[in-house]
Amino acid sequence: MKISRPEGMKNSMGVLAGAGTMGMHLVAGPAVGFGIGYFLDGRLDTHPWMKGIFFILGVISGFKLVYEDARKLARETENPRDHNTDPPA
């Protein structure tokens, strides 16, 4: 048995998924940058420098990805008829 959902609910779930992705970008970017810096500091014996540099690069990367996701989400929700979906009833 197939359960059908109204179109508005599908759009709402897409918005929530996009917001969750943005949160993950804000956390994952700095974490990965710090991890890379930590690894390089151990290898190159430059203890505070690589962690700081790659952490800042991770923050910049995270915000860039959030900005791109927000623009994409705004485009998708701006005019639903352009994307072959009907607006919620």
C-alpha atoms as a PDB file:
ATOM      1  CA  MET A   1       0.000   0.000   0.000  1.00  0.00           C
ATOM      2  CA  LYS A   2       1.437   3.349  -1.030  1.00  0.00           C
ATOM      3  CA  ILE A   3       0.940   6.378   1.168  1.00  0.00           C
ATOM      4  CA  SER A   4       0.572   9.621  -0.732  1.00  0.00           C
ATOM      5  CA  ARG A   5       1.589  12.919   0.783  1.00  0.00           C
ATOM      6  CA  PRO A   6       0.360  16.344  -0.210  1.00  0.00           C
ATOM      7  CA  GLU A   7       2.759  18.423  -2.296  1.00  0.00           C
ATOM      8  CA  GLY A   8       3.127  20.996   0.483  1.00  0.00           C
ATOM      9  CA  MET A   9       4.486  18.363   2.814  1.00  0.00           C
ATOM     10  CA  LYS A  10       7.087  17.258   0.249  1.00  0.00           C
ATOM     11  CA  ASN A  11       8.268  20.860  -0.147  1.00  0.00           C
ATOM     12  CA  SER A  12       8.409  21.351   3.622  1.00  0.00           C
ATOM     13  CA  MET A  13      10.531  18.243   4.065  1.00  0.00           C
ATOM     14  CA  GLY A  14      12.924  19.510   1.392  1.00  0.00           C
ATOM     15  CA  VAL A  15      13.297  22.824   3.221  1.00  0.00           C
ATOM     16  CA  LEU A  16      13.980  21.030   6.506  1.00  0.00           C
ATOM     17  CA  ALA A  17      16.529  18.763   4.845  1.00  0.00           C
ATOM     18  CA  GLY A  18      18.269  21.785   3.357  1.00  0.00           C
ATOM     19  CA  ALA A  19      18.402  23.498   6.750  1.00  0.00           C
ATOM     20  CA  GLY A  20      19.885  20.371   8.329  1.00  0.00           C
ATOM     21  CA  THR A  21      22.518  20.235   5.629  1.00  0.00           C
ATOM     22  CA  MET A  22      23.464  23.842   6.324  1.00  0.00           C
ATOM     23  CA  GLY A  23      23.989  23.045   9.999  1.00  0.00           C
ATOM     24  CA  MET A  24      26.204  20.123   9.130  1.00  0.00           C
ATOM     25  CA  HIS A  25      28.320  22.336   6.867  1.00  0.00           C
ATOM     26  CA  LEU A  26      28.902  24.790   9.717  1.00  0.00           C
ATOM     27  CA  VAL A  27      30.127  21.995  11.984  1.00  0.00           C
ATOM     28  CA  ALA A  28      31.944  19.738   9.517  1.00  0.00           C
ATOM     29  CA  GLY A  29      34.033  22.411   7.774  1.00  0.00           C
ATOM     30  CA  PRO A  30      35.915  23.614  10.862  1.00  0.00           C
ATOM     31  CA  ALA A  31      36.161  20.070  12.272  1.00  0.00           C
ATOM     32  CA  VAL A  32      37.759  18.707   9.101  1.00  0.00           C
ATOM     33  CA  GLY A  33      40.035  21.739   8.837  1.00  0.00           C
ATOM     34  CA  PHE A  34      41.180  21.314  12.431  1.00  0.00           C
ATOM     35  CA  GLY A  35      41.751  17.597  11.844  1.00  0.00           C
ATOM     36  CA  ILE A  36      43.919  18.256   8.809  1.00  0.00           C
ATOM     37  CA  GLY A  37      45.855  20.901  10.747  1.00  0.00           C
ATOM     38  CA  TYR A  38      46.327  18.541  13.673  1.00  0.00           C
ATOM     39  CA  PHE A  39      47.710  15.861  11.367  1.00  0.00           C
ATOM     40  CA  LEU A  40      50.053  18.295   9.614  1.00  0.00           C
ATOM     41  CA  ASP A  41      51.268  19.764  12.915  1.00  0.00           C
ATOM     42  CA  GLY A  42      52.296  16.295  14.035  1.00  0.00           C
ATOM     43  CA  ARG A  43      54.115  15.601  10.785  1.00  0.00           C
ATOM     44  CA  LEU A  44      55.786  18.983  10.283  1.00  0.00           C
ATOM     45  CA  ASP A  45      56.313  19.932  13.979  1.00  0.00           C
ATOM     46  CA  THR A  46      54.612  23.345  13.548  1.00  0.00           C
ATOM     47  CA  HIS A  47      52.323  22.909  16.531  1.00  0.00           C
ATOM     48  CA  PRO A  48      49.879  25.805  16.673  1.00  0.00           C
ATOM     49  CA  TRP A  49      50.130  27.075  13.116  1.00  0.00           C
ATOM     50  CA  MET A  50      48.593  24.428  10.879  1.00  0.00           C
ATOM     51  CA  LYS A  51      45.659  23.857  13.245  1.00  0.00           C
ATOM     52  CA  GLY A  52      44.847  27.546  13.221  1.00  0.00           C
ATOM     53  CA  ILE A  53      45.283  28.022   9.495  1.00  0.00           C
ATOM     54  CA  PHE A  54      43.228  24.993   8.508  1.00  0.00           C
ATOM     55  CA  PHE A  55      40.563  25.730  11.135  1.00  0.00           C
ATOM     56  CA  ILE A  56      40.078  29.205   9.640  1.00  0.00           C
ATOM     57  CA  LEU A  57      39.988  27.707   6.136  1.00  0.00           C
ATOM     58  CA  GLY A  58      37.354  25.235   7.382  1.00  0.00           C
ATOM     59  CA  VAL A  59      35.219  28.053   8.810  1.00  0.00           C
ATOM     60  CA  ILE A  60      35.440  29.950   5.522  1.00  0.00           C
ATOM     61  CA  SER A  61      34.555  26.796   3.599  1.00  0.00           C
ATOM     62  CA  GLY A  62      31.601  26.062   5.901  1.00  0.00           C
ATOM     63  CA  PHE A  63      30.153  29.549   5.481  1.00  0.00           C
ATOM     64  CA  LYS A  64      30.670  29.408   1.714  1.00  0.00           C
ATOM     65  CA  LEU A  65      28.744  26.138   1.520  1.00  0.00           C
ATOM     66  CA  VAL A  66      25.953  27.546   3.720  1.00  0.00           C
ATOM     67  CA  TYR A  67      25.720  30.579   1.450  1.00  0.00           C
ATOM     68  CA  GLU A  68      25.472  28.382  -1.651  1.00  0.00           C
ATOM     69  CA  ASP A  69      22.842  26.157  -0.002  1.00  0.00           C
ATOM     70  CA  ALA A  70      20.800  29.183   1.061  1.00  0.00           C
ATOM     71  CA  ARG A  71      20.841  30.605  -2.468  1.00  0.00           C
ATOM     72  CA  LYS A  72      19.828  27.231  -3.908  1.00  0.00           C
ATOM     73  CA  LEU A  73      17.034  26.843  -1.360  1.00  0.00           C
ATOM     74  CA  ALA A  74      15.785  30.375  -2.035  1.00  0.00           C
ATOM     75  CA  ARG A  75      15.724  29.693  -5.785  1.00  0.00           C
ATOM     76  CA  GLU A  76      13.755  26.479  -5.276  1.00  0.00           C
ATOM     77  CA  THR A  77      11.173  28.023  -2.945  1.00  0.00           C
ATOM     78  CA  GLU A  78      10.895  31.336  -4.790  1.00  0.00           C
ATOM     79  CA  ASN A  79       8.685  30.239  -7.660  1.00  0.00           C
ATOM     80  CA  PRO A  80       7.498  26.624  -7.457  1.00  0.00           C
ATOM     81  CA  ARG A  81       5.874  26.686 -10.914  1.00  0.00           C
ATOM     82  CA  ASP A  82       9.306  27.043 -12.522  1.00  0.00           C
ATOM     83  CA  HIS A  83      10.273  23.649 -11.126  1.00  0.00           C
ATOM     84  CA  ASN A  84       7.202  21.771 -12.418  1.00  0.00           C
ATOM     85  CA  THR A  85       5.567  21.493  -8.988  1.00  0.00           C
ATOM     86  CA  ASP A  86       2.309  22.931  -7.847  1.00  0.00           C
ATOM     87  CA  PRO A  87       2.232  25.294  -4.883  1.00  0.00           C
ATOM     88  CA  PRO A  88       0.772  23.922  -1.650  1.00  0.00           C
ATOM     89  CA  ALA A  89      -3.004  24.046  -1.469  1.00  0.00           C
END
